[in-house]
Amino acid sequence: MRNRGKKKQGKGVQSMPAGTRIVTYLCLLWALLVALVPLVWLVISSLKKDPLARPGFQLPETICLDGYISTFRDLHVLRYFGNSLFIAGVSVVISVVMISMSAYVVARMEFRGKGLVSTLLYSTMFIPATALTYPVYNLVNRLHLYDTRGALILIYSCSGIAVSFFVIKNYYDNIPRDLEEAARIDGCGYAQTWARVIFPIARPGIMTAAVLAFLNNWNEYYWASLVMITREKLTVPALLSTFTTAFNTNYNGLFSAMVIIILPPIVLYCLFSKFFIEALSGGAVKG
């Protein structure tokens, strides 16, 4: 069956009109250039002793690795990697478990105010972080969490709820209700049905939401620079600000640190790319 599906898909691509195929390839080529050009520029600049002396895509006269060496030796970047991994990882686990369960309730159960709950969750997508600065900052101080990893975990766990909720709920909607009814007949409750039946099937959608949340938390700078002041507790995005002072900017070290920082998200996406493909293709279960 899979081979037949692949053959049909291949015939569909080949049967596209020549003009449509050309436009499609041009769009893909443009998207590839937009994605790769900044990365290539960043890598080339990080290998230059003075990126301002040879700007742009000019190749370095000699490969300079001083920025990478100083990033590991002097800045102890692995410490900040550990901070970011711990904060982002714990936040993702909390938020995804919380949102996946709430999305299951909204997708499968009928109750009063269901539309209002969905509207309120989706509305958080349009609230900028700066508008929440005072209430969140005040809450963190009242809970005595200022300058602690717990403050960022609390903030990140409640951030990006709308996107994760939207992805997971849409995946739940594609799962036939017959599977849940069969589980109920076998004696499973709501929690057991979700854990044993729904979660394994919806894993691609849940993993997609988890990866998106992790990438968002990994790259977040605003809250990390606002509620954290101790240098040893900083995350990697907040670390980049240490390369810039009022009098000078170490561009070689800055570009080298940026290359090191963007590697984990790229590796993470490569490892979980199959979940993105399954989630975007509409789910693993067809009616």
Protein backbone atom coordinates (compact mmCIF):
# COMPACT_ATOMS: atom_id res chain seq x y z
CA MET A 1 0.00 0.00 0.00
CA ARG A 2 2.83 2.42 0.80
CA ASN A 3 4.52 1.69 -2.53
CA ARG A 4 1.27 2.37 -4.37
CA GLY A 5 0.90 5.64 -2.47
CA LYS A 6 4.42 6.66 -3.41
CA LYS A 7 3.82 5.76 -7.06
CA LYS A 8 0.64 7.81 -7.14
CA GLN A 9 2.40 10.72 -5.50
CA GLY A 10 5.25 10.53 -8.04
CA LYS A 11 2.81 10.43 -10.95
CA GLY A 12 1.04 13.48 -9.50
CA VAL A 13 4.26 15.47 -9.44
CA GLN A 14 5.22 14.41 -12.94
CA SER A 15 1.76 15.24 -14.25
CA MET A 16 1.99 18.85 -13.10
CA PRO A 17 1.99 21.39 -15.95
CA ALA A 18 5.45 22.58 -16.97
CA GLY A 19 4.71 26.16 -15.94
CA THR A 20 3.48 25.12 -12.52
CA ARG A 21 6.54 22.91 -12.02
CA ILE A 22 8.90 25.76 -12.94
CA VAL A 23 7.16 28.21 -10.58
CA THR A 24 7.24 25.60 -7.80
CA TYR A 25 10.96 24.96 -8.24
CA LEU A 26 11.69 28.70 -8.35
CA CYS A 27 9.78 29.24 -5.11
CA LEU A 28 11.62 26.35 -3.45
CA LEU A 29 14.96 27.70 -4.69
CA TRP A 30 14.13 31.17 -3.35
CA ALA A 31 13.12 29.72 0.04
CA LEU A 32 16.36 27.73 0.14
CA LEU A 33 18.42 30.84 -0.59
CA VAL A 34 16.60 32.89 2.04
CA ALA A 35 17.24 30.16 4.61
CA LEU A 36 20.86 29.35 3.77
CA VAL A 37 22.39 32.71 2.80
CA PRO A 38 22.34 34.16 6.37
CA LEU A 39 23.80 30.91 7.77
CA VAL A 40 26.59 30.81 5.20
CA TRP A 41 27.36 34.48 5.82
CA LEU A 42 27.47 33.87 9.57
CA VAL A 43 29.82 30.87 9.29
CA ILE A 44 32.19 32.71 6.93
CA SER A 45 32.23 35.79 9.17
CA SER A 46 32.97 33.69 12.26
CA LEU A 47 36.15 32.40 10.58
CA LYS A 48 37.53 35.92 9.97
CA LYS A 49 39.84 37.57 12.47
CA ASP A 50 38.21 40.94 11.77
CA PRO A 51 34.82 40.51 10.07
CA LEU A 52 34.53 44.27 9.49
CA ALA A 53 37.79 44.36 7.51
CA ARG A 54 36.47 41.79 5.02
CA PRO A 55 32.68 42.14 5.17
CA GLY A 56 30.05 40.15 3.33
CA PHE A 57 30.87 36.87 1.59
CA GLN A 58 34.57 37.59 1.12
CA LEU A 59 36.53 34.53 2.15
CA PRO A 60 38.95 34.99 5.07
CA GLU A 61 42.63 35.37 4.24
CA THR A 62 43.43 32.91 7.02
CA ILE A 63 41.01 30.80 9.02
CA CYS A 64 40.76 32.23 12.54
CA LEU A 65 39.31 29.99 15.26
CA ASP A 66 40.05 32.38 18.14
CA GLY A 67 36.35 33.17 18.56
CA TYR A 68 35.41 29.49 18.96
CA ILE A 69 38.31 28.85 21.33
CA SER A 70 37.49 31.83 23.54
CA THR A 71 33.80 30.91 23.56
CA PHE A 72 34.55 27.52 25.09
CA ARG A 73 37.64 28.42 27.13
CA ASP A 74 36.87 31.89 28.49
CA LEU A 75 33.07 32.08 28.44
CA HIS A 76 32.44 28.45 29.49
CA VAL A 77 29.58 28.28 27.00
CA LEU A 78 28.70 24.71 28.01
CA ARG A 79 27.47 26.05 31.35
CA TYR A 80 24.98 28.30 29.56
CA PHE A 81 24.03 25.45 27.27
CA GLY A 82 23.14 23.47 30.38
CA ASN A 83 21.04 26.35 31.71
CA SER A 84 19.13 26.66 28.44
CA LEU A 85 18.63 22.91 28.06
CA PHE A 86 17.34 22.55 31.60
CA ILE A 87 15.00 25.56 31.48
CA ALA A 88 13.70 24.88 27.97
CA GLY A 89 13.36 21.12 28.56
CA VAL A 90 11.44 21.35 31.84
CA SER A 91 9.21 24.10 30.41
CA VAL A 92 8.37 22.01 27.34
CA VAL A 93 7.46 18.95 29.41
CA ILE A 94 5.17 20.97 31.67
CA SER A 95 3.49 22.94 28.87
CA VAL A 96 3.04 20.03 26.45
CA VAL A 97 1.54 17.71 29.08
CA MET A 98 -0.78 20.47 30.27
CA ILE A 99 -1.82 21.60 26.78
CA SER A 100 -2.20 18.09 25.32
CA MET A 101 -4.65 17.16 28.08
CA SER A 102 -6.60 20.41 27.84
CA ALA A 103 -6.73 20.12 24.04
CA TYR A 104 -8.14 16.60 24.40
CA VAL A 105 -10.90 17.89 26.67
CA VAL A 106 -11.81 20.70 24.26
CA ALA A 107 -11.64 18.45 21.18
CA ARG A 108 -13.60 15.49 22.55
CA MET A 109 -15.96 16.71 25.28
CA GLU A 110 -18.99 18.99 25.26
CA PHE A 111 -19.39 21.49 28.10
CA ARG A 112 -20.65 24.98 28.69
CA GLY A 113 -18.25 27.71 27.69
CA LYS A 114 -16.28 25.47 25.33
CA GLY A 115 -16.19 28.14 22.62
CA LEU A 116 -15.14 30.77 25.15
CA VAL A 117 -12.26 28.61 26.39
CA SER A 118 -10.99 28.10 22.84
CA THR A 119 -11.31 31.81 22.08
CA LEU A 120 -9.41 32.80 25.21
CA LEU A 121 -6.62 30.35 24.43
CA TYR A 122 -6.29 31.52 20.84
CA SER A 123 -6.40 35.18 21.90
CA THR A 124 -3.12 34.77 23.79
CA MET A 125 -1.41 34.50 20.40
CA PHE A 126 -2.05 38.21 19.77
CA ILE A 127 -0.78 39.54 23.11
CA PRO A 128 2.81 40.87 22.80
CA ALA A 129 5.31 40.01 25.51
CA THR A 130 5.93 43.68 26.29
CA ALA A 131 2.25 44.12 27.25
CA LEU A 132 2.70 41.46 29.94
CA THR A 133 5.93 42.88 31.33
CA TYR A 134 4.53 44.54 34.46
CA PRO A 135 2.05 41.83 35.61
CA VAL A 136 4.51 38.99 34.96
CA TYR A 137 7.41 40.87 36.55
CA ASN A 138 5.24 41.68 39.57
CA LEU A 139 4.10 38.05 39.86
CA VAL A 140 7.68 36.77 39.73
CA ASN A 141 8.69 39.17 42.52
CA ARG A 142 5.70 38.27 44.68
CA LEU A 143 6.57 34.57 44.33
CA HIS A 144 10.20 35.36 45.23
CA LEU A 145 11.39 33.76 41.99
CA TYR A 146 13.35 36.71 40.63
CA ASP A 147 16.79 35.73 39.34
CA THR A 148 15.99 32.02 39.52
CA ARG A 149 15.56 29.36 36.86
CA GLY A 150 12.08 28.74 38.25
CA ALA A 151 10.99 32.17 37.02
CA LEU A 152 11.88 31.36 33.42
CA ILE A 153 10.34 27.88 33.69
CA LEU A 154 7.09 29.46 34.93
CA ILE A 155 7.08 32.04 32.12
CA TYR A 156 8.06 29.61 29.35
CA SER A 157 5.53 27.00 30.47
CA CYS A 158 2.74 29.55 29.95
CA SER A 159 4.15 31.00 26.71
CA GLY A 160 3.16 29.86 23.25
CA ILE A 161 0.04 28.11 24.53
CA ALA A 162 -2.06 29.10 21.53
CA VAL A 163 0.28 27.59 18.92
CA SER A 164 0.71 24.31 20.80
CA PHE A 165 -3.02 24.10 21.51
CA PHE A 166 -3.85 24.73 17.85
CA VAL A 167 -1.44 22.05 16.56
CA ILE A 168 -2.42 19.36 19.07
CA LYS A 169 -6.19 19.99 18.92
CA ASN A 170 -6.21 19.83 15.12
CA TYR A 171 -4.40 16.50 15.31
CA TYR A 172 -6.94 15.17 17.82
CA ASP A 173 -9.76 16.13 15.45
CA ASN A 174 -8.34 13.75 12.81
CA ILE A 175 -8.50 10.72 15.12
CA PRO A 176 -11.68 8.60 14.68
CA ARG A 177 -13.93 8.51 17.72
CA ASP A 178 -14.46 4.78 17.22
CA LEU A 179 -11.08 4.11 18.83
CA GLU A 180 -12.15 5.92 21.99
CA GLU A 181 -15.48 4.11 22.08
CA ALA A 182 -13.68 0.77 21.79
CA ALA A 183 -11.40 1.74 24.66
CA ARG A 184 -14.41 2.73 26.79
CA ILE A 185 -16.03 -0.65 26.11
CA ASP A 186 -12.82 -2.29 27.35
CA GLY A 187 -13.18 -0.34 30.60
CA CYS A 188 -10.76 2.54 30.07
CA GLY A 189 -11.54 5.91 31.64
CA TYR A 190 -10.77 9.28 30.11
CA ALA A 191 -7.20 9.34 31.45
CA GLN A 192 -6.45 5.77 30.35
CA THR A 193 -8.01 6.41 26.93
CA TRP A 194 -5.80 9.43 26.42
CA ALA A 195 -2.63 7.72 27.67
CA ARG A 196 -3.05 4.34 25.94
CA VAL A 197 -4.96 5.20 22.75
CA ILE A 198 -4.91 8.90 21.88
CA PHE A 199 -1.38 9.84 22.91
CA PRO A 200 0.42 7.12 20.84
CA ILE A 201 -1.60 8.05 17.74
CA ALA A 202 -1.25 11.82 18.25
CA ARG A 203 2.46 11.57 19.03
CA PRO A 204 3.59 13.31 15.79
CA GLY A 205 1.39 16.32 16.51
CA ILE A 206 2.43 16.46 20.16
CA MET A 207 6.12 16.12 19.25
CA THR A 208 5.75 18.88 16.67
CA ALA A 209 4.28 21.19 19.30
CA ALA A 210 7.05 20.19 21.72
CA VAL A 211 9.83 20.93 19.22
CA LEU A 212 8.28 24.29 18.30
CA ALA A 213 7.98 25.19 21.98
CA PHE A 214 11.57 24.11 22.64
CA LEU A 215 12.90 26.21 19.77
CA ASN A 216 10.92 29.21 20.98
CA ASN A 217 12.22 28.80 24.54
CA TRP A 218 15.79 28.20 23.36
CA ASN A 219 15.85 31.42 21.30
CA GLU A 220 13.94 33.59 23.78
CA TYR A 221 15.86 36.67 24.92
CA TYR A 222 13.40 39.22 26.34
CA TRP A 223 12.35 37.42 29.53
CA ALA A 224 15.76 35.79 30.00
CA SER A 225 17.44 39.21 30.12
CA LEU A 226 14.68 40.71 32.28
CA VAL A 227 14.35 38.26 35.17
CA MET A 228 17.92 36.88 35.26
CA ILE A 229 20.88 39.00 36.41
CA THR A 230 23.38 36.46 37.77
CA ARG A 231 25.84 35.68 35.00
CA GLU A 232 26.16 31.99 35.90
CA LYS A 233 22.38 31.53 35.46
CA LEU A 234 22.06 33.18 32.03
CA THR A 235 20.76 31.30 29.00
CA VAL A 236 22.62 31.27 25.68
CA PRO A 237 20.62 34.11 24.01
CA ALA A 238 21.29 36.38 26.99
CA LEU A 239 24.97 35.43 26.76
CA LEU A 240 25.26 37.16 23.37
CA SER A 241 24.78 40.56 25.02
CA THR A 242 28.09 40.12 26.85
CA PHE A 243 29.98 40.52 23.56
CA THR A 244 28.72 44.10 23.16
CA THR A 245 29.75 46.96 25.41
CA ALA A 246 29.29 50.71 25.21
CA PHE A 247 32.74 51.08 23.67
CA ASN A 248 33.47 47.96 21.66
CA THR A 249 31.94 44.87 20.06
CA ASN A 250 33.83 41.61 19.64
CA TYR A 251 32.34 40.57 16.30
CA ASN A 252 34.58 37.53 15.87
CA GLY A 253 33.55 36.13 19.24
CA LEU A 254 29.92 37.17 18.70
CA PHE A 255 29.63 35.41 15.34
CA SER A 256 31.42 32.32 16.65
CA ALA A 257 29.07 32.09 19.63
CA MET A 258 26.06 32.51 17.35
CA VAL A 259 27.21 29.59 15.18
CA ILE A 260 27.59 27.42 18.27
CA ILE A 261 24.20 28.47 19.64
CA ILE A 262 22.22 27.73 16.46
CA LEU A 263 23.61 24.21 16.11
CA PRO A 264 21.35 22.52 18.74
CA PRO A 265 18.07 23.69 17.12
CA ILE A 266 19.30 22.50 13.72
CA VAL A 267 20.28 19.09 15.12
CA LEU A 268 16.97 18.88 16.99
CA TYR A 269 14.97 19.56 13.86
CA CYS A 270 16.96 16.98 11.87
CA LEU A 271 16.22 14.36 14.52
CA PHE A 272 12.48 15.09 14.71
CA SER A 273 11.80 16.14 11.12
CA LYS A 274 9.72 13.01 10.51
CA PHE A 275 7.23 14.16 13.14
CA PHE A 276 6.83 17.50 11.34
CA ILE A 277 6.14 15.68 8.08
CA GLU A 278 3.57 13.36 9.69
CA ALA A 279 1.85 16.24 11.49
CA LEU A 280 1.67 18.44 8.40
CA SER A 281 0.41 15.56 6.25
CA GLY A 282 -2.75 15.32 8.34
CA GLY A 283 -1.98 12.57 10.82
CA ALA A 284 -1.19 8.89 10.87
CA VAL A 285 -4.81 7.74 11.04
CA LYS A 286 -7.22 8.01 8.17
CA GLY A 287 -10.91 7.40 8.57
